[in-house]
Amino acid sequence: MPSKEKTFEKTYYSIGEVAKMFDVNTSLIRFWETEFDILKPYKNKKGNRYFTAEDIKVLESIFYLVKEKGYTLQGAKEKLKTNRADVDRNAEIMKTLNKLKQFLLDIKTEL
């Protein structure tokens, strides 16, 4: 999950911005786009990808399943198809817990 809370202030985010949110390479984002049908960023005439807030939420769910829970790509695809609401909810819970953890670590550092 992204380590810092990102409020969605823009309509579209470049692939570089999205990769930075997740602390991954842009190639991984492009790879996930080809692997997961539910991820469909807008592409301009030059082929540049632009992601909406909804695309980023999908990526949060994919990141949660693959990177945090250790699912295979096939397992993550099946989980998203059969139980997307639960995955989204669990990904959101993990994001909140990570923010809380970081907040507590920041307090500990200041003490």
PDB file of N, CA and C in Angstrom:
ATOM      1  N   MET A   1       0.838  -1.182   0.000  1.00  0.00           N
ATOM      2  CA  MET A   1       0.000   0.000   0.000  1.00  0.00           C
ATOM      3  C   MET A   1       0.878   1.238   0.000  1.00  0.00           C
ATOM      4  N   PRO A   2       0.355   2.292  -0.529  1.00  0.00           N
ATOM      5  CA  PRO A   2       1.118   3.522  -0.461  1.00  0.00           C
ATOM      6  C   PRO A   2       1.361   3.889   1.003  1.00  0.00           C
ATOM      7  N   SER A   3       2.559   4.364   1.283  1.00  0.00           N
ATOM      8  CA  SER A   3       2.914   4.649   2.667  1.00  0.00           C
ATOM      9  C   SER A   3       2.333   5.967   3.151  1.00  0.00           C
ATOM     10  N   LYS A   4       2.075   6.875   2.277  1.00  0.00           N
ATOM     11  CA  LYS A   4       1.503   8.157   2.668  1.00  0.00           C
ATOM     12  C   LYS A   4       0.133   8.306   2.025  1.00  0.00           C
ATOM     13  N   GLU A   5      -0.770   8.922   2.769  1.00  0.00           N
ATOM     14  CA  GLU A   5      -2.118   9.139   2.254  1.00  0.00           C
ATOM     15  C   GLU A   5      -2.072  10.087   1.072  1.00  0.00           C
ATOM     16  N   LYS A   6      -2.704   9.709   0.009  1.00  0.00           N
ATOM     17  CA  LYS A   6      -2.752  10.543  -1.183  1.00  0.00           C
ATOM     18  C   LYS A   6      -4.203  10.918  -1.426  1.00  0.00           C
ATOM     19  N   THR A   7      -4.511  12.185  -1.311  1.00  0.00           N
ATOM     20  CA  THR A   7      -5.855  12.616  -1.639  1.00  0.00           C
ATOM     21  C   THR A   7      -5.897  12.838  -3.146  1.00  0.00           C
ATOM     22  N   PHE A   8      -6.993  12.469  -3.726  1.00  0.00           N
ATOM     23  CA  PHE A   8      -7.118  12.570  -5.169  1.00  0.00           C
ATOM     24  C   PHE A   8      -7.547  13.977  -5.530  1.00  0.00           C
ATOM     25  N   GLU A   9      -6.572  14.766  -5.967  1.00  0.00           N
ATOM     26  CA  GLU A   9      -6.796  16.161  -6.262  1.00  0.00           C
ATOM     27  C   GLU A   9      -6.942  16.399  -7.759  1.00  0.00           C
ATOM     28  N   LYS A  10      -6.450  15.472  -8.549  1.00  0.00           N
ATOM     29  CA  LYS A  10      -6.462  15.649  -9.994  1.00  0.00           C
ATOM     30  C   LYS A  10      -7.403  14.619 -10.614  1.00  0.00           C
ATOM     31  N   THR A  11      -7.770  14.863 -11.853  1.00  0.00           N
ATOM     32  CA  THR A  11      -8.614  13.924 -12.584  1.00  0.00           C
ATOM     33  C   THR A  11      -7.790  12.732 -13.062  1.00  0.00           C
ATOM     34  N   TYR A  12      -6.586  12.999 -13.555  1.00  0.00           N
ATOM     35  CA  TYR A  12      -5.725  11.946 -14.077  1.00  0.00           C
ATOM     36  C   TYR A  12      -4.330  12.038 -13.470  1.00  0.00           C
ATOM     37  N   TYR A  13      -3.734  10.870 -13.272  1.00  0.00           N
ATOM     38  CA  TYR A  13      -2.368  10.769 -12.773  1.00  0.00           C
ATOM     39  C   TYR A  13      -1.547  10.002 -13.790  1.00  0.00           C
ATOM     40  N   SER A  14      -0.321  10.458 -14.018  1.00  0.00           N
ATOM     41  CA  SER A  14       0.566   9.771 -14.959  1.00  0.00           C
ATOM     42  C   SER A  14       1.024   8.447 -14.344  1.00  0.00           C
ATOM     43  N   ILE A  15       1.535   7.574 -15.176  1.00  0.00           N
ATOM     44  CA  ILE A  15       2.013   6.285 -14.685  1.00  0.00           C
ATOM     45  C   ILE A  15       3.174   6.473 -13.710  1.00  0.00           C
ATOM     46  N   GLY A  16       3.995   7.494 -13.930  1.00  0.00           N
ATOM     47  CA  GLY A  16       5.093   7.783 -13.014  1.00  0.00           C
ATOM     48  C   GLY A  16       4.585   8.173 -11.631  1.00  0.00           C
ATOM     49  N   GLU A  17       3.546   8.996 -11.593  1.00  0.00           N
ATOM     50  CA  GLU A  17       2.960   9.398 -10.312  1.00  0.00           C
ATOM     51  C   GLU A  17       2.357   8.202  -9.584  1.00  0.00           C
ATOM     52  N   VAL A  18       1.682   7.349 -10.332  1.00  0.00           N
ATOM     53  CA  VAL A  18       1.058   6.168  -9.732  1.00  0.00           C
ATOM     54  C   VAL A  18       2.121   5.211  -9.207  1.00  0.00           C
ATOM     55  N   ALA A  19       3.169   4.998  -9.988  1.00  0.00           N
ATOM     56  CA  ALA A  19       4.249   4.109  -9.547  1.00  0.00           C
ATOM     57  C   ALA A  19       4.878   4.632  -8.262  1.00  0.00           C
ATOM     58  N   LYS A  20       5.032   5.944  -8.160  1.00  0.00           N
ATOM     59  CA  LYS A  20       5.606   6.545  -6.959  1.00  0.00           C
ATOM     60  C   LYS A  20       4.679   6.343  -5.750  1.00  0.00           C
ATOM     61  N   MET A  21       3.366   6.405  -5.961  1.00  0.00           N
ATOM     62  CA  MET A  21       2.407   6.185  -4.874  1.00  0.00           C
ATOM     63  C   MET A  21       2.592   4.807  -4.245  1.00  0.00           C
ATOM     64  N   PHE A  22       2.897   3.825  -5.093  1.00  0.00           N
ATOM     65  CA  PHE A  22       3.022   2.440  -4.634  1.00  0.00           C
ATOM     66  C   PHE A  22       4.471   2.018  -4.421  1.00  0.00           C
ATOM     67  N   ASP A  23       5.395   2.920  -4.706  1.00  0.00           N
ATOM     68  CA  ASP A  23       6.822   2.632  -4.572  1.00  0.00           C
ATOM     69  C   ASP A  23       7.220   1.394  -5.386  1.00  0.00           C
ATOM     70  N   VAL A  24       6.779   1.388  -6.655  1.00  0.00           N
ATOM     71  CA  VAL A  24       7.112   0.307  -7.588  1.00  0.00           C
ATOM     72  C   VAL A  24       7.568   0.928  -8.901  1.00  0.00           C
ATOM     73  N   ASN A  25       8.109   0.113  -9.773  1.00  0.00           N
ATOM     74  CA  ASN A  25       8.519   0.572 -11.106  1.00  0.00           C
ATOM     75  C   ASN A  25       7.299   0.735 -12.007  1.00  0.00           C
ATOM     76  N   THR A  26       7.411   1.634 -12.966  1.00  0.00           N
ATOM     77  CA  THR A  26       6.318   1.818 -13.919  1.00  0.00           C
ATOM     78  C   THR A  26       6.062   0.546 -14.723  1.00  0.00           C
ATOM     79  N   SER A  27       7.100  -0.252 -14.926  1.00  0.00           N
ATOM     80  CA  SER A  27       6.930  -1.502 -15.680  1.00  0.00           C
ATOM     81  C   SER A  27       5.964  -2.451 -14.972  1.00  0.00           C
ATOM     82  N   LEU A  28       5.972  -2.435 -13.641  1.00  0.00           N
ATOM     83  CA  LEU A  28       5.038  -3.295 -12.902  1.00  0.00           C
ATOM     84  C   LEU A  28       3.608  -2.820 -13.104  1.00  0.00           C
ATOM     85  N   ILE A  29       3.384  -1.522 -13.116  1.00  0.00           N
ATOM     86  CA  ILE A  29       2.042  -0.982 -13.356  1.00  0.00           C
ATOM     87  C   ILE A  29       1.567  -1.377 -14.758  1.00  0.00           C
ATOM     88  N   ARG A  30       2.456  -1.241 -15.751  1.00  0.00           N
ATOM     89  CA  ARG A  30       2.094  -1.635 -17.125  1.00  0.00           C
ATOM     90  C   ARG A  30       1.797  -3.128 -17.190  1.00  0.00           C
ATOM     91  N   PHE A  31       2.595  -3.931 -16.491  1.00  0.00           N
ATOM     92  CA  PHE A  31       2.385  -5.378 -16.486  1.00  0.00           C
ATOM     93  C   PHE A  31       1.027  -5.715 -15.871  1.00  0.00           C
ATOM     94  N   TRP A  32       0.721  -5.106 -14.731  1.00  0.00           N
ATOM     95  CA  TRP A  32      -0.574  -5.367 -14.099  1.00  0.00           C
ATOM     96  C   TRP A  32      -1.725  -4.942 -15.006  1.00  0.00           C
ATOM     97  N   GLU A  33      -1.525  -3.884 -15.777  1.00  0.00           N
ATOM     98  CA  GLU A  33      -2.567  -3.450 -16.712  1.00  0.00           C
ATOM     99  C   GLU A  33      -2.868  -4.545 -17.730  1.00  0.00           C
ATOM    100  N   THR A  34      -1.821  -5.224 -18.201  1.00  0.00           N
ATOM    101  CA  THR A  34      -2.053  -6.294 -19.181  1.00  0.00           C
ATOM    102  C   THR A  34      -2.647  -7.540 -18.538  1.00  0.00           C
ATOM    103  N   GLU A  35      -2.366  -7.755 -17.258  1.00  0.00           N
ATOM    104  CA  GLU A  35      -2.822  -8.958 -16.570  1.00  0.00           C
ATOM    105  C   GLU A  35      -4.236  -8.855 -15.992  1.00  0.00           C
ATOM    106  N   PHE A  36      -4.646  -7.667 -15.604  1.00  0.00           N
ATOM    107  CA  PHE A  36      -5.932  -7.477 -14.935  1.00  0.00           C
ATOM    108  C   PHE A  36      -6.877  -6.685 -15.829  1.00  0.00           C
ATOM    109  N   ASP A  37      -7.931  -7.350 -16.302  1.00  0.00           N
ATOM    110  CA  ASP A  37      -8.895  -6.728 -17.207  1.00  0.00           C
ATOM    111  C   ASP A  37      -9.618  -5.540 -16.580  1.00  0.00           C
ATOM    112  N   ILE A  38      -9.738  -5.520 -15.258  1.00  0.00           N
ATOM    113  CA  ILE A  38     -10.483  -4.444 -14.608  1.00  0.00           C
ATOM    114  C   ILE A  38      -9.697  -3.134 -14.572  1.00  0.00           C
ATOM    115  N   LEU A  39      -8.437  -3.190 -14.903  1.00  0.00           N
ATOM    116  CA  LEU A  39      -7.589  -1.998 -14.907  1.00  0.00           C
ATOM    117  C   LEU A  39      -7.490  -1.464 -16.332  1.00  0.00           C
ATOM    118  N   LYS A  40      -8.138  -0.321 -16.571  1.00  0.00           N
ATOM    119  CA  LYS A  40      -8.174   0.264 -17.914  1.00  0.00           C
ATOM    120  C   LYS A  40      -7.878   1.763 -17.862  1.00  0.00           C
ATOM    121  N   PRO A  41      -6.611   2.137 -17.760  1.00  0.00           N
ATOM    122  CA  PRO A  41      -6.306   3.563 -17.746  1.00  0.00           C
ATOM    123  C   PRO A  41      -6.566   4.195 -19.114  1.00  0.00           C
ATOM    124  N   TYR A  42      -6.815   5.487 -19.083  1.00  0.00           N
ATOM    125  CA  TYR A  42      -6.981   6.247 -20.317  1.00  0.00           C
ATOM    126  C   TYR A  42      -5.621   6.352 -21.001  1.00  0.00           C
ATOM    127  N   LYS A  43      -5.623   6.200 -22.332  1.00  0.00           N
ATOM    128  CA  LYS A  43      -4.390   6.386 -23.107  1.00  0.00           C
ATOM    129  C   LYS A  43      -4.627   7.475 -24.141  1.00  0.00           C
ATOM    130  N   ASN A  44      -3.668   8.405 -24.218  1.00  0.00           N
ATOM    131  CA  ASN A  44      -3.790   9.455 -25.232  1.00  0.00           C
ATOM    132  C   ASN A  44      -3.257   8.939 -26.574  1.00  0.00           C
ATOM    133  N   LYS A  45      -3.233   9.800 -27.574  1.00  0.00           N
ATOM    134  CA  LYS A  45      -2.799   9.386 -28.914  1.00  0.00           C
ATOM    135  C   LYS A  45      -1.355   8.898 -28.937  1.00  0.00           C
ATOM    136  N   LYS A  46      -0.536   9.420 -28.034  1.00  0.00           N
ATOM    137  CA  LYS A  46       0.864   8.997 -27.967  1.00  0.00           C
ATOM    138  C   LYS A  46       1.033   7.686 -27.205  1.00  0.00           C
ATOM    139  N   GLY A  47      -0.040   7.212 -26.570  1.00  0.00           N
ATOM    140  CA  GLY A  47       0.035   5.962 -25.818  1.00  0.00           C
ATOM    141  C   GLY A  47       0.368   6.149 -24.348  1.00  0.00           C
ATOM    142  N   ASN A  48       0.450   7.404 -23.884  1.00  0.00           N
ATOM    143  CA  ASN A  48       0.707   7.654 -22.467  1.00  0.00           C
ATOM    144  C   ASN A  48      -0.507   7.257 -21.640  1.00  0.00           C
ATOM    145  N   ARG A  49      -0.251   6.591 -20.527  1.00  0.00           N
ATOM    146  CA  ARG A  49      -1.325   6.135 -19.659  1.00  0.00           C
ATOM    147  C   ARG A  49      -1.645   7.190 -18.616  1.00  0.00           C
ATOM    148  N   TYR A  50      -2.933   7.367 -18.369  1.00  0.00           N
ATOM    149  CA  TYR A  50      -3.393   8.269 -17.323  1.00  0.00           C
ATOM    150  C   TYR A  50      -4.432   7.542 -16.477  1.00  0.00           C
ATOM    151  N   PHE A  51      -4.222   7.575 -15.177  1.00  0.00           N
ATOM    152  CA  PHE A  51      -5.037   6.816 -14.246  1.00  0.00           C
ATOM    153  C   PHE A  51      -5.973   7.722 -13.466  1.00  0.00           C
ATOM    154  N   THR A  52      -7.215   7.261 -13.288  1.00  0.00           N
ATOM    155  CA  THR A  52      -8.193   7.987 -12.481  1.00  0.00           C
ATOM    156  C   THR A  52      -8.109   7.491 -11.031  1.00  0.00           C
ATOM    157  N   ALA A  53      -8.849   8.157 -10.155  1.00  0.00           N
ATOM    158  CA  ALA A  53      -8.915   7.729  -8.759  1.00  0.00           C
ATOM    159  C   ALA A  53      -9.448   6.304  -8.665  1.00  0.00           C
ATOM    160  N   GLU A  54     -10.393   5.954  -9.512  1.00  0.00           N
ATOM    161  CA  GLU A  54     -10.945   4.589  -9.510  1.00  0.00           C
ATOM    162  C   GLU A  54      -9.876   3.583  -9.934  1.00  0.00           C
ATOM    163  N   ASP A  55      -9.068   3.915 -10.934  1.00  0.00           N
ATOM    164  CA  ASP A  55      -7.969   3.038 -11.346  1.00  0.00           C
ATOM    165  C   ASP A  55      -7.000   2.824 -10.182  1.00  0.00           C
ATOM    166  N   ILE A  56      -6.737   3.872  -9.429  1.00  0.00           N
ATOM    167  CA  ILE A  56      -5.807   3.767  -8.305  1.00  0.00           C
ATOM    168  C   ILE A  56      -6.383   2.873  -7.213  1.00  0.00           C
ATOM    169  N   LYS A  57      -7.696   2.936  -7.009  1.00  0.00           N
ATOM    170  CA  LYS A  57      -8.332   2.042  -6.029  1.00  0.00           C
ATOM    171  C   LYS A  57      -8.207   0.588  -6.466  1.00  0.00           C
ATOM    172  N   VAL A  58      -8.349   0.336  -7.759  1.00  0.00           N
ATOM    173  CA  VAL A  58      -8.161  -1.023  -8.286  1.00  0.00           C
ATOM    174  C   VAL A  58      -6.720  -1.461  -8.048  1.00  0.00           C
ATOM    175  N   LEU A  59      -5.777  -0.567  -8.309  1.00  0.00           N
ATOM    176  CA  LEU A  59      -4.368  -0.895  -8.075  1.00  0.00           C
ATOM    177  C   LEU A  59      -4.088  -1.156  -6.600  1.00  0.00           C
ATOM    178  N   GLU A  60      -4.750  -0.436  -5.710  1.00  0.00           N
ATOM    179  CA  GLU A  60      -4.588  -0.690  -4.277  1.00  0.00           C
ATOM    180  C   GLU A  60      -5.020  -2.109  -3.937  1.00  0.00           C
ATOM    181  N   SER A  61      -6.124  -2.560  -4.535  1.00  0.00           N
ATOM    182  CA  SER A  61      -6.604  -3.922  -4.286  1.00  0.00           C
ATOM    183  C   SER A  61      -5.636  -4.957  -4.853  1.00  0.00           C
ATOM    184  N   ILE A  62      -5.133  -4.707  -6.053  1.00  0.00           N
ATOM    185  CA  ILE A  62      -4.168  -5.621  -6.663  1.00  0.00           C
ATOM    186  C   ILE A  62      -2.898  -5.662  -5.813  1.00  0.00           C
ATOM    187  N   PHE A  63      -2.409  -4.507  -5.422  1.00  0.00           N
ATOM    188  CA  PHE A  63      -1.202  -4.423  -4.594  1.00  0.00           C
ATOM    189  C   PHE A  63      -1.403  -5.187  -3.286  1.00  0.00           C
ATOM    190  N   TYR A  64      -2.548  -4.992  -2.658  1.00  0.00           N
ATOM    191  CA  TYR A  64      -2.860  -5.673  -1.403  1.00  0.00           C
ATOM    192  C   TYR A  64      -2.800  -7.197  -1.581  1.00  0.00           C
ATOM    193  N   LEU A  65      -3.452  -7.697  -2.619  1.00  0.00           N
ATOM    194  CA  LEU A  65      -3.489  -9.150  -2.828  1.00  0.00           C
ATOM    195  C   LEU A  65      -2.123  -9.719  -3.192  1.00  0.00           C
ATOM    196  N   VAL A  66      -1.438  -9.076  -4.136  1.00  0.00           N
ATOM    197  CA  VAL A  66      -0.200  -9.639  -4.670  1.00  0.00           C
ATOM    198  C   VAL A  66       0.997  -9.375  -3.751  1.00  0.00           C
ATOM    199  N   LYS A  67       1.159  -8.143  -3.335  1.00  0.00           N
ATOM    200  CA  LYS A  67       2.359  -7.776  -2.579  1.00  0.00           C
ATOM    201  C   LYS A  67       2.227  -8.011  -1.079  1.00  0.00           C
ATOM    202  N   GLU A  68       1.029  -7.810  -0.526  1.00  0.00           N
ATOM    203  CA  GLU A  68       0.888  -7.945   0.920  1.00  0.00           C
ATOM    204  C   GLU A  68       0.374  -9.309   1.345  1.00  0.00           C
ATOM    205  N   LYS A  69      -0.541  -9.889   0.576  1.00  0.00           N
ATOM    206  CA  LYS A  69      -1.107 -11.187   0.944  1.00  0.00           C
ATOM    207  C   LYS A  69      -0.409 -12.349   0.238  1.00  0.00           C
ATOM    208  N   GLY A  70       0.416 -12.071  -0.757  1.00  0.00           N
ATOM    209  CA  GLY A  70       1.186 -13.116  -1.416  1.00  0.00           C
ATOM    210  C   GLY A  70       0.419 -13.945  -2.434  1.00  0.00           C
ATOM    211  N   TYR A  71      -0.669 -13.415  -2.951  1.00  0.00           N
ATOM    212  CA  TYR A  71      -1.427 -14.136  -3.966  1.00  0.00           C
ATOM    213  C   TYR A  71      -0.630 -14.220  -5.262  1.00  0.00           C
ATOM    214  N   THR A  72      -0.854 -15.295  -5.999  1.00  0.00           N
ATOM    215  CA  THR A  72      -0.329 -15.355  -7.364  1.00  0.00           C
ATOM    216  C   THR A  72      -1.198 -14.436  -8.212  1.00  0.00           C
ATOM    217  N   LEU A  73      -0.741 -14.110  -9.410  1.00  0.00           N
ATOM    218  CA  LEU A  73      -1.554 -13.268 -10.277  1.00  0.00           C
ATOM    219  C   LEU A  73      -2.887 -13.928 -10.584  1.00  0.00           C
ATOM    220  N   GLN A  74      -2.857 -15.219 -10.860  1.00  0.00           N
ATOM    221  CA  GLN A  74      -4.102 -15.940 -11.152  1.00  0.00           C
ATOM    222  C   GLN A  74      -5.025 -15.940  -9.938  1.00  0.00           C
ATOM    223  N   GLY A  75      -4.454 -16.163  -8.767  1.00  0.00           N
ATOM    224  CA  GLY A  75      -5.249 -16.149  -7.542  1.00  0.00           C
ATOM    225  C   GLY A  75      -5.859 -14.789  -7.287  1.00  0.00           C
ATOM    226  N   ALA A  76      -5.090 -13.733  -7.530  1.00  0.00           N
ATOM    227  CA  ALA A  76      -5.593 -12.373  -7.345  1.00  0.00           C
ATOM    228  C   ALA A  76      -6.720 -12.072  -8.331  1.00  0.00           C
ATOM    229  N   LYS A  77      -6.563 -12.513  -9.581  1.00  0.00           N
ATOM    230  CA  LYS A  77      -7.617 -12.304 -10.579  1.00  0.00           C
ATOM    231  C   LYS A  77      -8.911 -12.980 -10.142  1.00  0.00           C
ATOM    232  N   GLU A  78      -8.806 -14.224  -9.688  1.00  0.00           N
ATOM    233  CA  GLU A  78      -9.987 -14.968  -9.255  1.00  0.00           C
ATOM    234  C   GLU A  78     -10.637 -14.316  -8.040  1.00  0.00           C
ATOM    235  N   LYS A  79      -9.818 -13.888  -7.093  1.00  0.00           N
ATOM    236  CA  LYS A  79     -10.343 -13.247  -5.886  1.00  0.00           C
ATOM    237  C   LYS A  79     -11.075 -11.955  -6.238  1.00  0.00           C
ATOM    238  N   LEU A  80     -10.508 -11.171  -7.138  1.00  0.00           N
ATOM    239  CA  LEU A  80     -11.162  -9.926  -7.549  1.00  0.00           C
ATOM    240  C   LEU A  80     -12.462 -10.187  -8.301  1.00  0.00           C
ATOM    241  N   LYS A  81     -12.513 -11.266  -9.073  1.00  0.00           N
ATOM    242  CA  LYS A  81     -13.741 -11.593  -9.806  1.00  0.00           C
ATOM    243  C   LYS A  81     -14.839 -12.091  -8.878  1.00  0.00           C
ATOM    244  N   THR A  82     -14.461 -12.897  -7.890  1.00  0.00           N
ATOM    245  CA  THR A  82     -15.477 -13.530  -7.049  1.00  0.00           C
ATOM    246  C   THR A  82     -15.855 -12.705  -5.827  1.00  0.00           C
ATOM    247  N   ASN A  83     -14.963 -11.873  -5.344  1.00  0.00           N
ATOM    248  CA  ASN A  83     -15.222 -11.206  -4.075  1.00  0.00           C
ATOM    249  C   ASN A  83     -14.562  -9.828  -4.011  1.00  0.00           C
ATOM    250  N   ARG A  84     -14.790  -9.011  -4.998  1.00  0.00           N
ATOM    251  CA  ARG A  84     -14.113  -7.712  -5.088  1.00  0.00           C
ATOM    252  C   ARG A  84     -14.444  -6.799  -3.910  1.00  0.00           C
ATOM    253  N   ALA A  85     -15.681  -6.806  -3.457  1.00  0.00           N
ATOM    254  CA  ALA A  85     -16.072  -5.911  -2.357  1.00  0.00           C
ATOM    255  C   ALA A  85     -15.261  -6.205  -1.101  1.00  0.00           C
ATOM    256  N   ASP A  86     -15.074  -7.491  -0.788  1.00  0.00           N
ATOM    257  CA  ASP A  86     -14.277  -7.860   0.383  1.00  0.00           C
ATOM    258  C   ASP A  86     -12.818  -7.448   0.211  1.00  0.00           C
ATOM    259  N   VAL A  87     -12.286  -7.651  -0.976  1.00  0.00           N
ATOM    260  CA  VAL A  87     -10.895  -7.281  -1.244  1.00  0.00           C
ATOM    261  C   VAL A  87     -10.721  -5.779  -1.077  1.00  0.00           C
ATOM    262  N   ASP A  88     -11.637  -5.007  -1.651  1.00  0.00           N
ATOM    263  CA  ASP A  88     -11.552  -3.549  -1.541  1.00  0.00           C
ATOM    264  C   ASP A  88     -11.627  -3.109  -0.084  1.00  0.00           C
ATOM    265  N   ARG A  89     -12.540  -3.722   0.663  1.00  0.00           N
ATOM    266  CA  ARG A  89     -12.691  -3.372   2.079  1.00  0.00           C
ATOM    267  C   ARG A  89     -11.426  -3.724   2.860  1.00  0.00           C
ATOM    268  N   ASN A  90     -10.889  -4.911   2.643  1.00  0.00           N
ATOM    269  CA  ASN A  90      -9.671  -5.329   3.342  1.00  0.00           C
ATOM    270  C   ASN A  90      -8.466  -4.464   2.961  1.00  0.00           C
ATOM    271  N   ALA A  91      -8.386  -4.085   1.697  1.00  0.00           N
ATOM    272  CA  ALA A  91      -7.294  -3.219   1.255  1.00  0.00           C
ATOM    273  C   ALA A  91      -7.405  -1.863   1.946  1.00  0.00           C
ATOM    274  N   GLU A  92      -8.624  -1.362   2.082  1.00  0.00           N
ATOM    275  CA  GLU A  92      -8.837  -0.072   2.753  1.00  0.00           C
ATOM    276  C   GLU A  92      -8.482  -0.174   4.236  1.00  0.00           C
ATOM    277  N   ILE A  93      -8.832  -1.286   4.864  1.00  0.00           N
ATOM    278  CA  ILE A  93      -8.482  -1.498   6.277  1.00  0.00           C
ATOM    279  C   ILE A  93      -6.972  -1.523   6.448  1.00  0.00           C
ATOM    280  N   MET A  94      -6.266  -2.237   5.565  1.00  0.00           N
ATOM    281  CA  MET A  94      -4.813  -2.304   5.642  1.00  0.00           C
ATOM    282  C   MET A  94      -4.190  -0.919   5.446  1.00  0.00           C
ATOM    283  N   LYS A  95      -4.745  -0.141   4.543  1.00  0.00           N
ATOM    284  CA  LYS A  95      -4.248   1.205   4.309  1.00  0.00           C
ATOM    285  C   LYS A  95      -4.399   2.051   5.580  1.00  0.00           C
ATOM    286  N   THR A  96      -5.541   1.927   6.227  1.00  0.00           N
ATOM    287  CA  THR A  96      -5.787   2.675   7.466  1.00  0.00           C
ATOM    288  C   THR A  96      -4.850   2.217   8.571  1.00  0.00           C
ATOM    289  N   LEU A  97      -4.658   0.910   8.694  1.00  0.00           N
ATOM    290  CA  LEU A  97      -3.755   0.391   9.716  1.00  0.00           C
ATOM    291  C   LEU A  97      -2.313   0.831   9.470  1.00  0.00           C
ATOM    292  N   ASN A  98      -1.896   0.852   8.219  1.00  0.00           N
ATOM    293  CA  ASN A  98      -0.541   1.314   7.892  1.00  0.00           C
ATOM    294  C   ASN A  98      -0.361   2.786   8.230  1.00  0.00           C
ATOM    295  N   LYS A  99      -1.400   3.593   7.985  1.00  0.00           N
ATOM    296  CA  LYS A  99      -1.337   5.012   8.356  1.00  0.00           C
ATOM    297  C   LYS A  99      -1.231   5.160   9.868  1.00  0.00           C
ATOM    298  N   LEU A 100      -2.012   4.381  10.595  1.00  0.00           N
ATOM    299  CA  LEU A 100      -1.972   4.419  12.056  1.00  0.00           C
ATOM    300  C   LEU A 100      -0.597   4.001  12.572  1.00  0.00           C
ATOM    301  N   LYS A 101      -0.054   2.948  11.985  1.00  0.00           N
ATOM    302  CA  LYS A 101       1.277   2.475  12.378  1.00  0.00           C
ATOM    303  C   LYS A 101       2.317   3.569  12.163  1.00  0.00           C
ATOM    304  N   GLN A 102       2.262   4.219  11.006  1.00  0.00           N
ATOM    305  CA  GLN A 102       3.223   5.283  10.715  1.00  0.00           C
ATOM    306  C   GLN A 102       3.057   6.446  11.683  1.00  0.00           C
ATOM    307  N   PHE A 103       1.825   6.779  12.002  1.00  0.00           N
ATOM    308  CA  PHE A 103       1.552   7.851  12.959  1.00  0.00           C
ATOM    309  C   PHE A 103       2.169   7.517  14.319  1.00  0.00           C
ATOM    310  N   LEU A 104       1.973   6.283  14.771  1.00  0.00           N
ATOM    311  CA  LEU A 104       2.523   5.865  16.064  1.00  0.00           C
ATOM    312  C   LEU A 104       4.060   5.841  16.050  1.00  0.00           C
ATOM    313  N   LEU A 105       4.627   5.414  14.932  1.00  0.00           N
ATOM    314  CA  LEU A 105       6.081   5.428  14.815  1.00  0.00           C
ATOM    315  C   LEU A 105       6.624   6.857  14.839  1.00  0.00           C
ATOM    316  N   ASP A 106       5.902   7.771  14.216  1.00  0.00           N
ATOM    317  CA  ASP A 106       6.298   9.180  14.217  1.00  0.00           C
ATOM    318  C   ASP A 106       6.269   9.736  15.651  1.00  0.00           C
ATOM    319  N   ILE A 107       5.233   9.376  16.390  1.00  0.00           N
ATOM    320  CA  ILE A 107       5.133   9.821  17.793  1.00  0.00           C
ATOM    321  C   ILE A 107       6.290   9.253  18.603  1.00  0.00           C
ATOM    322  N   LYS A 108       6.573   7.965  18.403  1.00  0.00           N
ATOM    323  CA  LYS A 108       7.671   7.327  19.140  1.00  0.00           C
ATOM    324  C   LYS A 108       8.993   8.043  18.865  1.00  0.00           C
ATOM    325  N   THR A 109       9.214   8.421  17.616  1.00  0.00           N
ATOM    326  CA  THR A 109      10.444   9.116  17.233  1.00  0.00           C
ATOM    327  C   THR A 109      10.550  10.470  17.932  1.00  0.00           C
ATOM    328  N   GLU A 110       9.422  11.136  18.097  1.00  0.00           N
ATOM    329  CA  GLU A 110       9.430  12.460  18.727  1.00  0.00           C
ATOM    330  C   GLU A 110       9.617  12.400  20.240  1.00  0.00           C
ATOM    331  N   LEU A 111       9.366  11.257  20.854  1.00  0.00           N
ATOM    332  CA  LEU A 111       9.473  11.148  22.309  1.00  0.00           C
ATOM    333  C   LEU A 111      10.896  11.130  22.803  1.00  0.00           C
TER     334      LEU A 111
END
